PDB file of N, CA and C in Angstrom:
ATOM      1  N   MET A   1     -15.425  14.053 -13.527  1.00  0.00           N
ATOM      2  CA  MET A   1     -14.605  13.025 -12.651  1.00  0.00           C
ATOM      3  C   MET A   1     -13.222  13.320 -12.877  1.00  0.00           C
ATOM      4  N   SER A   2     -12.606  13.246 -12.201  1.00  0.00           N
ATOM      5  CA  SER A   2     -11.103  13.777 -12.016  1.00  0.00           C
ATOM      6  C   SER A   2     -10.373  12.124 -12.288  1.00  0.00           C
ATOM      7  N   ALA A   3      -9.207  12.140 -13.096  1.00  0.00           N
ATOM      8  CA  ALA A   3      -8.447  11.108 -13.514  1.00  0.00           C
ATOM      9  C   ALA A   3      -7.573  10.943 -12.183  1.00  0.00           C
ATOM     10  N   ILE A   4      -7.185  10.085 -11.533  1.00  0.00           N
ATOM     11  CA  ILE A   4      -5.713  10.098 -10.746  1.00  0.00           C
ATOM     12  C   ILE A   4      -4.653   9.992 -11.505  1.00  0.00           C
ATOM     13  N   ASP A   5      -3.825  10.948 -10.413  1.00  0.00           N
ATOM     14  CA  ASP A   5      -2.338  11.116 -11.383  1.00  0.00           C
ATOM     15  C   ASP A   5      -1.711   9.733 -10.662  1.00  0.00           C
ATOM     16  N   LEU A   6      -1.496   8.729 -11.577  1.00  0.00           N
ATOM     17  CA  LEU A   6      -0.762   7.535 -11.022  1.00  0.00           C
ATOM     18  C   LEU A   6       0.949   7.622 -10.522  1.00  0.00           C
ATOM     19  N   PRO A   7       1.420   8.584 -11.196  1.00  0.00           N
ATOM     20  CA  PRO A   7       2.865   8.996 -11.132  1.00  0.00           C
ATOM     21  C   PRO A   7       2.445   9.636  -9.470  1.00  0.00           C
ATOM     22  N   LYS A   8       1.672  10.472  -9.179  1.00  0.00           N
ATOM     23  CA  LYS A   8       1.896  11.138  -7.856  1.00  0.00           C
ATOM     24  C   LYS A   8       1.359  10.279  -6.940  1.00  0.00           C
ATOM     25  N   LEU A   9       0.876   9.063  -7.338  1.00  0.00           N
ATOM     26  CA  LEU A   9       0.004   7.971  -6.203  1.00  0.00           C
ATOM     27  C   LEU A   9       1.088   7.319  -5.520  1.00  0.00           C
ATOM     28  N   ARG A  10       1.759   7.521  -6.852  1.00  0.00           N
ATOM     29  CA  ARG A  10       3.378   6.078  -6.707  1.00  0.00           C
ATOM     30  C   ARG A  10       4.293   7.039  -5.742  1.00  0.00           C
ATOM     31  N   THR A  11       4.459   8.473  -5.539  1.00  0.00           N
ATOM     32  CA  THR A  11       5.161   9.263  -4.631  1.00  0.00           C
ATOM     33  C   THR A  11       4.834   8.982  -3.861  1.00  0.00           C
ATOM     34  N   MET A  12       3.521   9.427  -3.257  1.00  0.00           N
ATOM     35  CA  MET A  12       2.946   8.911  -2.153  1.00  0.00           C
ATOM     36  C   MET A  12       3.107   7.676  -1.872  1.00  0.00           C
ATOM     37  N   ILE A  13       2.507   7.028  -1.896  1.00  0.00           N
ATOM     38  CA  ILE A  13       2.569   5.950  -1.559  1.00  0.00           C
ATOM     39  C   ILE A  13       4.246   5.387  -0.795  1.00  0.00           C
ATOM     40  N   LEU A  14       5.297   5.466  -1.890  1.00  0.00           N
ATOM     41  CA  LEU A  14       6.759   5.586  -1.088  1.00  0.00           C
ATOM     42  C   LEU A  14       6.638   6.512  -0.067  1.00  0.00           C
ATOM     43  N   GLU A  15       6.486   7.569  -0.285  1.00  0.00           N
ATOM     44  CA  GLU A  15       6.501   8.215   0.872  1.00  0.00           C
ATOM     45  C   GLU A  15       6.251   8.206   1.976  1.00  0.00           C
ATOM     46  N   ASP A  16       4.954   7.713   2.137  1.00  0.00           N
ATOM     47  CA  ASP A  16       3.948   7.324   3.176  1.00  0.00           C
ATOM     48  C   ASP A  16       4.491   5.685   3.723  1.00  0.00           C
ATOM     49  N   GLY A  17       4.982   5.052   2.964  1.00  0.00           N
ATOM     50  CA  GLY A  17       5.674   3.773   3.569  1.00  0.00           C
ATOM     51  C   GLY A  17       6.893   3.899   4.099  1.00  0.00           C
ATOM     52  N   ARG A  18       7.748   5.039   3.696  1.00  0.00           N
ATOM     53  CA  ARG A  18       9.238   5.213   4.244  1.00  0.00           C
ATOM     54  C   ARG A  18       9.444   4.774   5.440  1.00  0.00           C
ATOM     55  N   ASP A  19       8.878   5.614   7.021  1.00  0.00           N
ATOM     56  CA  ASP A  19       8.987   5.890   7.983  1.00  0.00           C
ATOM     57  C   ASP A  19       8.726   4.954   8.868  1.00  0.00           C
ATOM     58  N   ASP A  20       7.281   4.293   8.503  1.00  0.00           N
ATOM     59  CA  ASP A  20       6.091   3.364   9.459  1.00  0.00           C
ATOM     60  C   ASP A  20       5.949   2.378   7.891  1.00  0.00           C
ATOM     61  N   HIS A  21       5.055   1.596   8.909  1.00  0.00           N
ATOM     62  CA  HIS A  21       4.015   0.617   8.659  1.00  0.00           C
ATOM     63  C   HIS A  21       2.832   1.279   8.087  1.00  0.00           C
ATOM     64  N   THR A  22       2.139   1.365   7.244  1.00  0.00           N
ATOM     65  CA  THR A  22       1.338   2.043   6.648  1.00  0.00           C
ATOM     66  C   THR A  22       0.159   0.947   5.839  1.00  0.00           C
ATOM     67  N   GLY A  23      -1.022   1.015   6.057  1.00  0.00           N
ATOM     68  CA  GLY A  23      -1.630   0.229   5.821  1.00  0.00           C
ATOM     69  C   GLY A  23      -2.777   0.148   4.639  1.00  0.00           C
ATOM     70  N   LEU A  24      -2.407  -0.769   3.577  1.00  0.00           N
ATOM     71  CA  LEU A  24      -3.087  -0.077   2.310  1.00  0.00           C
ATOM     72  C   LEU A  24      -4.291   0.273   2.577  1.00  0.00           C
ATOM     73  N   TYR A  25      -5.573   0.121   3.299  1.00  0.00           N
ATOM     74  CA  TYR A  25      -6.385   1.123   3.177  1.00  0.00           C
ATOM     75  C   TYR A  25      -6.595   2.843   3.671  1.00  0.00           C
ATOM     76  N   GLU A  26      -5.309   3.306   4.187  1.00  0.00           N
ATOM     77  CA  GLU A  26      -4.429   4.506   4.232  1.00  0.00           C
ATOM     78  C   GLU A  26      -4.250   5.005   2.825  1.00  0.00           C
ATOM     79  N   ILE A  27      -4.245   4.528   1.954  1.00  0.00           N
ATOM     80  CA  ILE A  27      -3.988   4.432   0.265  1.00  0.00           C
ATOM     81  C   ILE A  27      -5.261   4.729  -0.231  1.00  0.00           C
ATOM     82  N   ILE A  28      -6.678   4.819   0.448  1.00  0.00           N
ATOM     83  CA  ILE A  28      -7.444   4.615  -0.337  1.00  0.00           C
ATOM     84  C   ILE A  28      -8.723   5.810   0.762  1.00  0.00           C
ATOM     85  N   TRP A  29      -8.107   5.805   1.511  1.00  0.00           N
ATOM     86  CA  TRP A  29      -8.594   7.165   2.662  1.00  0.00           C
ATOM     87  C   TRP A  29      -7.475   8.878   1.974  1.00  0.00           C
ATOM     88  N   SER A  30      -6.333   8.282   1.584  1.00  0.00           N
ATOM     89  CA  SER A  30      -5.953   9.618   0.907  1.00  0.00           C
ATOM     90  C   SER A  30      -6.350  10.386  -0.085  1.00  0.00           C
ATOM     91  N   LEU A  31      -7.014   9.059  -0.953  1.00  0.00           N
ATOM     92  CA  LEU A  31      -7.521   9.540  -2.792  1.00  0.00           C
ATOM     93  C   LEU A  31      -8.836  10.455  -1.627  1.00  0.00           C
ATOM     94  N   ASN A  32      -9.601   9.454  -0.776  1.00  0.00           N
ATOM     95  CA  ASN A  32     -10.804  10.411  -0.825  1.00  0.00           C
ATOM     96  C   ASN A  32     -10.393  11.843  -0.358  1.00  0.00           C
ATOM     97  N   THR A  33      -9.551  11.961  -0.038  1.00  0.00           N
ATOM     98  CA  THR A  33      -9.694  13.534   0.314  1.00  0.00           C
ATOM     99  C   THR A  33      -9.017  14.275  -1.165  1.00  0.00           C
ATOM    100  N   LYS A  34      -7.957  13.682  -1.649  1.00  0.00           N
ATOM    101  CA  LYS A  34      -7.526  14.519  -2.945  1.00  0.00           C
ATOM    102  C   LYS A  34      -8.626  14.199  -3.866  1.00  0.00           C
ATOM    103  N   TYR A  35      -9.367  13.115  -4.372  1.00  0.00           N
ATOM    104  CA  TYR A  35     -10.392  13.614  -5.232  1.00  0.00           C
ATOM    105  C   TYR A  35     -11.499  12.421  -4.516  1.00  0.00           C
ATOM    106  N   PRO A  36     -12.386  13.353  -4.432  1.00  0.00           N
ATOM    107  CA  PRO A  36     -13.747  13.211  -3.432  1.00  0.00           C
ATOM    108  C   PRO A  36     -14.553  12.635  -4.589  1.00  0.00           C
ATOM    109  N   ASP A  37     -14.763  13.286  -5.741  1.00  0.00           N
ATOM    110  CA  ASP A  37     -15.079  12.953  -6.620  1.00  0.00           C
ATOM    111  C   ASP A  37     -15.541  11.752  -7.266  1.00  0.00           C
ATOM    112  N   VAL A  38     -14.133  10.702  -7.035  1.00  0.00           N
ATOM    113  CA  VAL A  38     -13.849   9.469  -7.927  1.00  0.00           C
ATOM    114  C   VAL A  38     -14.327   8.572  -6.944  1.00  0.00           C
ATOM    115  N   ALA A  39     -15.214   7.662  -8.074  1.00  0.00           N
ATOM    116  CA  ALA A  39     -15.823   6.352  -7.544  1.00  0.00           C
ATOM    117  C   ALA A  39     -15.039   5.654  -6.384  1.00  0.00           C
ATOM    118  N   ARG A  40     -15.068   4.878  -5.025  1.00  0.00           N
ATOM    119  CA  ARG A  40     -14.593   4.159  -4.639  1.00  0.00           C
ATOM    120  C   ARG A  40     -13.729   2.903  -5.782  1.00  0.00           C
ATOM    121  N   GLY A  41     -14.596   2.626  -6.191  1.00  0.00           N
ATOM    122  CA  GLY A  41     -13.777   1.347  -7.163  1.00  0.00           C
ATOM    123  C   GLY A  41     -12.604   1.543  -8.279  1.00  0.00           C
ATOM    124  N   ALA A  42     -12.773   3.240  -8.659  1.00  0.00           N
ATOM    125  CA  ALA A  42     -11.908   3.789  -9.277  1.00  0.00           C
ATOM    126  C   ALA A  42     -10.315   4.163  -8.433  1.00  0.00           C
ATOM    127  N   LYS A  43     -10.492   3.894  -7.067  1.00  0.00           N
ATOM    128  CA  LYS A  43     -10.029   4.476  -6.652  1.00  0.00           C
ATOM    129  C   LYS A  43      -8.958   3.455  -6.049  1.00  0.00           C
ATOM    130  N   VAL A  44     -10.019   2.003  -5.760  1.00  0.00           N
ATOM    131  CA  VAL A  44      -9.103   0.810  -5.665  1.00  0.00           C
ATOM    132  C   VAL A  44      -8.091   0.594  -6.817  1.00  0.00           C
ATOM    133  N   THR A  45      -9.005   0.656  -7.887  1.00  0.00           N
ATOM    134  CA  THR A  45      -8.057   0.327  -9.078  1.00  0.00           C
ATOM    135  C   THR A  45      -7.020   0.940  -9.059  1.00  0.00           C
ATOM    136  N   ALA A  46      -6.996   2.010  -8.992  1.00  0.00           N
ATOM    137  CA  ALA A  46      -5.362   2.617  -9.170  1.00  0.00           C
ATOM    138  C   ALA A  46      -4.525   2.627  -7.991  1.00  0.00           C
ATOM    139  N   ALA A  47      -4.861   2.067  -7.032  1.00  0.00           N
ATOM    140  CA  ALA A  47      -4.234   2.164  -5.967  1.00  0.00           C
ATOM    141  C   ALA A  47      -3.531   0.296  -5.782  1.00  0.00           C
ATOM    142  N   ARG A  48      -4.803  -0.344  -6.456  1.00  0.00           N
ATOM    143  CA  ARG A  48      -3.657  -1.861  -6.390  1.00  0.00           C
ATOM    144  C   ARG A  48      -2.980  -1.416  -7.919  1.00  0.00           C
ATOM    145  N   GLU A  49      -3.047  -1.449  -8.444  1.00  0.00           N
ATOM    146  CA  GLU A  49      -1.906  -1.160 -10.106  1.00  0.00           C
ATOM    147  C   GLU A  49      -1.073  -0.287  -9.647  1.00  0.00           C
ATOM    148  N   VAL A  50      -0.493   0.286  -8.853  1.00  0.00           N
ATOM    149  CA  VAL A  50       0.852   1.464  -8.340  1.00  0.00           C
ATOM    150  C   VAL A  50       1.198   0.444  -7.277  1.00  0.00           C
ATOM    151  N   VAL A  51       0.446  -0.085  -6.381  1.00  0.00           N
ATOM    152  CA  VAL A  51       1.226  -1.103  -5.628  1.00  0.00           C
ATOM    153  C   VAL A  51       1.985  -2.545  -5.800  1.00  0.00           C
ATOM    154  N   LEU A  52       1.260  -3.228  -7.316  1.00  0.00           N
ATOM    155  CA  LEU A  52       1.348  -4.241  -7.944  1.00  0.00           C
ATOM    156  C   LEU A  52       3.037  -3.700  -8.635  1.00  0.00           C
ATOM    157  N   ASP A  53       2.316  -2.589  -9.129  1.00  0.00           N
ATOM    158  CA  ASP A  53       3.837  -2.282  -9.785  1.00  0.00           C
ATOM    159  C   ASP A  53       5.089  -2.062  -8.637  1.00  0.00           C
ATOM    160  N   LEU A  54       5.017  -1.340  -7.508  1.00  0.00           N
ATOM    161  CA  LEU A  54       5.969  -1.377  -6.694  1.00  0.00           C
ATOM    162  C   LEU A  54       6.706  -2.496  -5.889  1.00  0.00           C
ATOM    163  N   LEU A  55       5.386  -3.385  -6.215  1.00  0.00           N
ATOM    164  CA  LEU A  55       5.840  -4.842  -5.602  1.00  0.00           C
ATOM    165  C   LEU A  55       6.959  -5.694  -6.529  1.00  0.00           C
ATOM    166  N   ARG A  56       6.468  -5.754  -7.954  1.00  0.00           N
ATOM    167  CA  ARG A  56       7.340  -6.279  -8.831  1.00  0.00           C
ATOM    168  C   ARG A  56       8.909  -5.531  -8.756  1.00  0.00           C
ATOM    169  N   ASP A  57       8.352  -4.070  -8.811  1.00  0.00           N
ATOM    170  CA  ASP A  57       9.841  -4.039  -8.520  1.00  0.00           C
ATOM    171  C   ASP A  57      10.783  -3.749  -6.964  1.00  0.00           C
ATOM    172  N   ARG A  58      10.321  -4.064  -6.231  1.00  0.00           N
ATOM    173  CA  ARG A  58      10.957  -4.540  -5.106  1.00  0.00           C
ATOM    174  C   ARG A  58      10.851  -3.438  -4.615  1.00  0.00           C
ATOM    175  N   GLU A  59       9.981  -2.159  -4.012  1.00  0.00           N
ATOM    176  CA  GLU A  59      10.090  -1.082  -3.735  1.00  0.00           C
ATOM    177  C   GLU A  59       9.581  -1.291  -2.308  1.00  0.00           C
ATOM    178  N   ILE A  60       8.420  -1.966  -2.248  1.00  0.00           N
ATOM    179  CA  ILE A  60       7.677  -1.879  -0.944  1.00  0.00           C
ATOM    180  C   ILE A  60       7.708  -3.564  -0.756  1.00  0.00           C
ATOM    181  N   ALA A  61       7.273  -3.545   0.170  1.00  0.00           N
ATOM    182  CA  ALA A  61       6.986  -5.060   0.896  1.00  0.00           C
ATOM    183  C   ALA A  61       5.779  -5.157   1.695  1.00  0.00           C
ATOM    184  N   LEU A  62       4.789  -6.329   1.776  1.00  0.00           N
ATOM    185  CA  LEU A  62       4.018  -6.536   2.095  1.00  0.00           C
ATOM    186  C   LEU A  62       4.283  -6.978   3.496  1.00  0.00           C
ATOM    187  N   PHE A  63       2.544  -7.042   4.503  1.00  0.00           N
ATOM    188  CA  PHE A  63       2.826  -7.343   6.170  1.00  0.00           C
ATOM    189  C   PHE A  63       1.455  -7.144   6.232  1.00  0.00           C
ATOM    190  N   THR A  64       1.175  -8.581   7.332  1.00  0.00           N
ATOM    191  CA  THR A  64      -0.217  -8.463   7.624  1.00  0.00           C
ATOM    192  C   THR A  64       0.259  -8.122   8.885  1.00  0.00           C
ATOM    193  N   ASN A  65      -1.000  -7.880   9.793  1.00  0.00           N
ATOM    194  CA  ASN A  65      -0.979  -7.272  11.362  1.00  0.00           C
ATOM    195  C   ASN A  65      -2.916  -7.335  11.588  1.00  0.00           C
ATOM    196  N   ARG A  66      -2.753  -7.640  12.725  1.00  0.00           N
ATOM    197  CA  ARG A  66      -4.207  -7.232  13.336  1.00  0.00           C
ATOM    198  C   ARG A  66      -4.601  -6.033  13.876  1.00  0.00           C
ATOM    199  N   TRP A  67      -5.632  -5.055  13.003  1.00  0.00           N
ATOM    200  CA  TRP A  67      -5.337  -3.910  13.947  1.00  0.00           C
ATOM    201  C   TRP A  67      -5.248  -3.976  15.223  1.00  0.00           C
ATOM    202  N   ALA A  68      -4.622  -2.459  15.488  1.00  0.00           N
ATOM    203  CA  ALA A  68      -3.911  -1.907  17.312  1.00  0.00           C
ATOM    204  C   ALA A  68      -3.200  -2.971  17.252  1.00  0.00           C
ATOM    205  N   SER A  69      -2.017  -3.914  16.594  1.00  0.00           N
ATOM    206  CA  SER A  69      -1.193  -4.777  17.080  1.00  0.00           C
ATOM    207  C   SER A  69       0.417  -4.387  16.792  1.00  0.00           C
ATOM    208  N   SER A  70       1.092  -4.379  17.128  1.00  0.00           N
ATOM    209  CA  SER A  70       2.597  -4.057  16.513  1.00  0.00           C
ATOM    210  C   SER A  70       3.417  -5.330  16.136  1.00  0.00           C
ATOM    211  N   SER A  71       2.968  -6.305  16.126  1.00  0.00           N
ATOM    212  CA  SER A  71       3.246  -7.066  15.135  1.00  0.00           C
ATOM    213  C   SER A  71       2.703  -7.420  14.055  1.00  0.00           C
ATOM    214  N   PHE A  72       4.537  -7.282  13.063  1.00  0.00           N
ATOM    215  CA  PHE A  72       3.967  -7.269  11.549  1.00  0.00           C
ATOM    216  C   PHE A  72       4.785  -8.260  10.979  1.00  0.00           C
ATOM    217  N   VAL A  73       3.951  -9.325  10.342  1.00  0.00           N
ATOM    218  CA  VAL A  73       4.486 -10.109   9.775  1.00  0.00           C
ATOM    219  C   VAL A  73       4.535 -10.180   8.183  1.00  0.00           C
ATOM    220  N   PRO A  74       5.942 -10.498   7.910  1.00  0.00           N
ATOM    221  CA  PRO A  74       6.009 -10.423   5.936  1.00  0.00           C
ATOM    222  C   PRO A  74       4.993 -11.512   5.395  1.00  0.00           C
ATOM    223  N   VAL A  75       4.455 -10.810   4.151  1.00  0.00           N
ATOM    224  CA  VAL A  75       3.979 -11.886   3.538  1.00  0.00           C
ATOM    225  C   VAL A  75       4.758 -12.244   2.413  1.00  0.00           C
ATOM    226  N   PRO A  76       5.145 -13.634   2.476  1.00  0.00           N
ATOM    227  CA  PRO A  76       5.728 -14.541   1.647  1.00  0.00           C
ATOM    228  C   PRO A  76       5.934 -13.560   0.353  1.00  0.00           C
ATOM    229  N   LEU A  77       7.358 -13.660  -0.703  1.00  0.00           N
ATOM    230  CA  LEU A  77       7.162 -12.777  -1.596  1.00  0.00           C
ATOM    231  C   LEU A  77       6.492 -13.341  -2.958  1.00  0.00           C
ATOM    232  N   GLU A  78       6.625 -14.723  -2.427  1.00  0.00           N
ATOM    233  CA  GLU A  78       5.495 -15.517  -3.904  1.00  0.00           C
ATOM    234  C   GLU A  78       4.078 -14.983  -3.934  1.00  0.00           C
ATOM    235  N   ARG A  79       3.638 -14.597  -2.908  1.00  0.00           N
ATOM    236  CA  ARG A  79       2.235 -14.353  -2.607  1.00  0.00           C
ATOM    237  C   ARG A  79       1.978 -12.568  -2.704  1.00  0.00           C
ATOM    238  N   GLU A  80       2.869 -12.259  -2.330  1.00  0.00           N
ATOM    239  CA  GLU A  80       2.482 -10.644  -2.152  1.00  0.00           C
ATOM    240  C   GLU A  80       1.957 -10.065  -2.947  1.00  0.00           C
ATOM    241  N   GLU A  81       1.607 -10.528  -4.306  1.00  0.00           N
ATOM    242  CA  GLU A  81       0.965 -10.112  -5.625  1.00  0.00           C
ATOM    243  C   GLU A  81      -0.741 -10.806  -5.014  1.00  0.00           C
ATOM    244  N   GLU A  82      -0.531 -11.828  -4.699  1.00  0.00           N
ATOM    245  CA  GLU A  82      -2.280 -12.668  -4.819  1.00  0.00           C
ATOM    246  C   GLU A  82      -2.473 -11.812  -3.199  1.00  0.00           C
ATOM    247  N   PHE A  83      -2.142 -11.589  -2.365  1.00  0.00           N
ATOM    248  CA  PHE A  83      -2.823 -10.644  -1.340  1.00  0.00           C
ATOM    249  C   PHE A  83      -3.221  -9.124  -1.737  1.00  0.00           C
ATOM    250  N   ALA A  84      -2.008  -8.854  -2.655  1.00  0.00           N
ATOM    251  CA  ALA A  84      -2.860  -7.287  -2.971  1.00  0.00           C
ATOM    252  C   ALA A  84      -3.621  -7.679  -3.923  1.00  0.00           C
ATOM    253  N   SER A  85      -3.868  -8.242  -4.299  1.00  0.00           N
ATOM    254  CA  SER A  85      -4.908  -8.208  -5.408  1.00  0.00           C
ATOM    255  C   SER A  85      -5.956  -8.826  -4.961  1.00  0.00           C
ATOM    256  N   ALA A  86      -6.466  -9.303  -3.565  1.00  0.00           N
ATOM    257  CA  ALA A  86      -7.602  -9.722  -3.110  1.00  0.00           C
ATOM    258  C   ALA A  86      -8.653  -8.571  -2.924  1.00  0.00           C
ATOM    259  N   ASP A  87     -10.017  -8.992  -3.333  1.00  0.00           N
ATOM    260  CA  ASP A  87     -11.271  -7.967  -3.139  1.00  0.00           C
ATOM    261  C   ASP A  87     -10.589  -7.327  -1.586  1.00  0.00           C
ATOM    262  N   GLN A  88     -10.836  -7.953  -0.364  1.00  0.00           N
ATOM    263  CA  GLN A  88     -10.335  -6.806   0.918  1.00  0.00           C
ATOM    264  C   GLN A  88      -8.973  -6.177   0.966  1.00  0.00           C
ATOM    265  N   ALA A  89      -8.420  -6.416   0.360  1.00  0.00           N
ATOM    266  CA  ALA A  89      -6.743  -5.515   0.261  1.00  0.00           C
ATOM    267  C   ALA A  89      -6.893  -4.316   0.862  1.00  0.00           C
ATOM    268  N   PHE A  90      -7.921  -3.310   0.354  1.00  0.00           N
ATOM    269  CA  PHE A  90      -7.799  -2.119   0.375  1.00  0.00           C
ATOM    270  C   PHE A  90      -9.361  -1.394   0.833  1.00  0.00           C
ATOM    271  N   ASP A  91      -9.711  -3.156   2.119  1.00  0.00           N
ATOM    272  CA  ASP A  91     -10.841  -2.596   2.582  1.00  0.00           C
ATOM    273  C   ASP A  91     -10.318  -1.714   3.965  1.00  0.00           C
ATOM    274  N   ASP A  92     -11.287  -0.612   4.736  1.00  0.00           N
ATOM    275  CA  ASP A  92     -10.949  -0.161   6.106  1.00  0.00           C
ATOM    276  C   ASP A  92     -10.749  -1.208   6.724  1.00  0.00           C
ATOM    277  N   PRO A  93      -9.696  -0.953   8.262  1.00  0.00           N
ATOM    278  CA  PRO A  93      -9.744  -1.645   8.717  1.00  0.00           C
ATOM    279  C   PRO A  93      -9.973  -2.662   9.248  1.00  0.00           C
ATOM    280  N   THR A  94     -10.483  -4.099  10.185  1.00  0.00           N
ATOM    281  CA  THR A  94     -11.682  -4.328  11.004  1.00  0.00           C
ATOM    282  C   THR A  94     -10.584  -5.033  11.959  1.00  0.00           C
ATOM    283  N   ASP A  95     -11.102  -6.012  12.980  1.00  0.00           N
ATOM    284  CA  ASP A  95     -10.550  -6.645  14.167  1.00  0.00           C
ATOM    285  C   ASP A  95     -10.007  -8.067  13.433  1.00  0.00           C
ATOM    286  N   ALA A  96      -9.771  -8.164  12.096  1.00  0.00           N
ATOM    287  CA  ALA A  96      -9.622  -9.321  11.030  1.00  0.00           C
ATOM    288  C   ALA A  96      -7.910  -8.702  10.675  1.00  0.00           C
ATOM    289  N   GLU A  97      -7.509  -9.900  10.424  1.00  0.00           N
ATOM    290  CA  GLU A  97      -6.061  -9.499   9.741  1.00  0.00           C
ATOM    291  C   GLU A  97      -6.065  -8.289   8.107  1.00  0.00           C
ATOM    292  N   CYS A  98      -5.088  -7.384   8.228  1.00  0.00           N
ATOM    293  CA  CYS A  98      -5.253  -6.487   7.214  1.00  0.00           C
ATOM    294  C   CYS A  98      -3.886  -6.353   6.724  1.00  0.00           C
ATOM    295  N   LEU A  99      -3.965  -5.946   5.409  1.00  0.00           N
ATOM    296  CA  LEU A  99      -2.652  -5.506   5.115  1.00  0.00           C
ATOM    297  C   LEU A  99      -1.810  -4.642   4.979  1.00  0.00           C
ATOM    298  N   TRP A 100      -0.610  -4.515   5.459  1.00  0.00           N
ATOM    299  CA  TRP A 100       0.261  -3.011   5.354  1.00  0.00           C
ATOM    300  C   TRP A 100       1.541  -3.026   4.567  1.00  0.00           C
ATOM    301  N   TYR A 101       2.492  -1.830   4.014  1.00  0.00           N
ATOM    302  CA  TYR A 101       3.453  -2.008   3.314  1.00  0.00           C
ATOM    303  C   TYR A 101       4.398  -0.909   3.998  1.00  0.00           C
ATOM    304  N   ALA A 102       5.140  -1.583   3.953  1.00  0.00           N
ATOM    305  CA  ALA A 102       6.441  -0.421   3.963  1.00  0.00           C
ATOM    306  C   ALA A 102       7.498  -0.416   2.429  1.00  0.00           C
ATOM    307  N   THR A 103       7.872   0.628   2.769  1.00  0.00           N
ATOM    308  CA  THR A 103       9.033   0.869   1.456  1.00  0.00           C
ATOM    309  C   THR A 103      10.366   0.365   2.069  1.00  0.00           C
ATOM    310  N   VAL A 104      11.393  -0.635   0.842  1.00  0.00           N
ATOM    311  CA  VAL A 104      12.717  -1.164   0.857  1.00  0.00           C
ATOM    312  C   VAL A 104      13.692  -0.292   0.855  1.00  0.00           C
ATOM    313  N   CYS A 105      14.082  -0.340   1.373  1.00  0.00           N
ATOM    314  CA  CYS A 105      15.647   0.345   1.206  1.00  0.00           C
ATOM    315  C   CYS A 105      16.293  -0.553   0.556  1.00  0.00           C
ATOM    316  N   GLN A 106      16.408  -0.226  -0.690  1.00  0.00           N
ATOM    317  CA  GLN A 106      17.664  -0.706  -1.576  1.00  0.00           C
ATOM    318  C   GLN A 106      19.090  -0.299  -1.644  1.00  0.00           C
ATOM    319  N   ASN A 107      19.607   0.612  -1.378  1.00  0.00           N
ATOM    320  CA  ASN A 107      20.724   0.935  -1.759  1.00  0.00           C
ATOM    321  C   ASN A 107      21.376   1.308   0.055  1.00  0.00           C
ATOM    322  N   LEU A 108      21.461   0.588   0.254  1.00  0.00           N
ATOM    323  CA  LEU A 108      21.985   0.319   2.443  1.00  0.00           C
ATOM    324  C   LEU A 108      23.380   0.207   1.830  1.00  0.00           C
ATOM    325  N   THR A 109      24.401   1.741   2.308  1.00  0.00           N
ATOM    326  CA  THR A 109      25.757   1.580   2.329  1.00  0.00           C
ATOM    327  C   THR A 109      26.056   1.691   3.469  1.00  0.00           C
ATOM    328  N   SER A 110      27.349   1.789   3.764  1.00  0.00           N
ATOM    329  CA  SER A 110      27.938   1.980   5.469  1.00  0.00           C
ATOM    330  C   SER A 110      29.045   3.331   4.960  1.00  0.00           C
ATOM    331  N   VAL A 111      28.779   4.005   5.902  1.00  0.00           N
ATOM    332  CA  VAL A 111      29.290   5.422   5.341  1.00  0.00           C
ATOM    333  C   VAL A 111      30.393   5.230   7.059  1.00  0.00           C
ATOM    334  N   GLU A 112      31.788   5.435   7.008  1.00  0.00           N
ATOM    335  CA  GLU A 112      31.921   5.567   8.382  1.00  0.00           C
ATOM    336  C   GLU A 112      33.436   6.669   8.445  1.00  0.00           C
TER     337      GLU A 112
END
């Protein structure tokens, strides 16, 4: 069984969330491609660990969205860890609400 490279996973998550909202389930799909022999539970554990670190560092923000909707609702800051820790947070999308993330721009400067 291959161990999941957490620093690479962190980089992947940040890159994937840079230009658009990305479903938390997509992290697992990417890990399925990179680590096909690793159990789903280990993938979810690794993804959750990195997502929670990124939330604490304010490098990503969480949103809720209904599948195929373009309306992303920010998760309140004080509830982000609760939402990301939920058992279903990384499940495949359904018609129910699911979690998405986006990278937070931290160093906005104006160039004229």
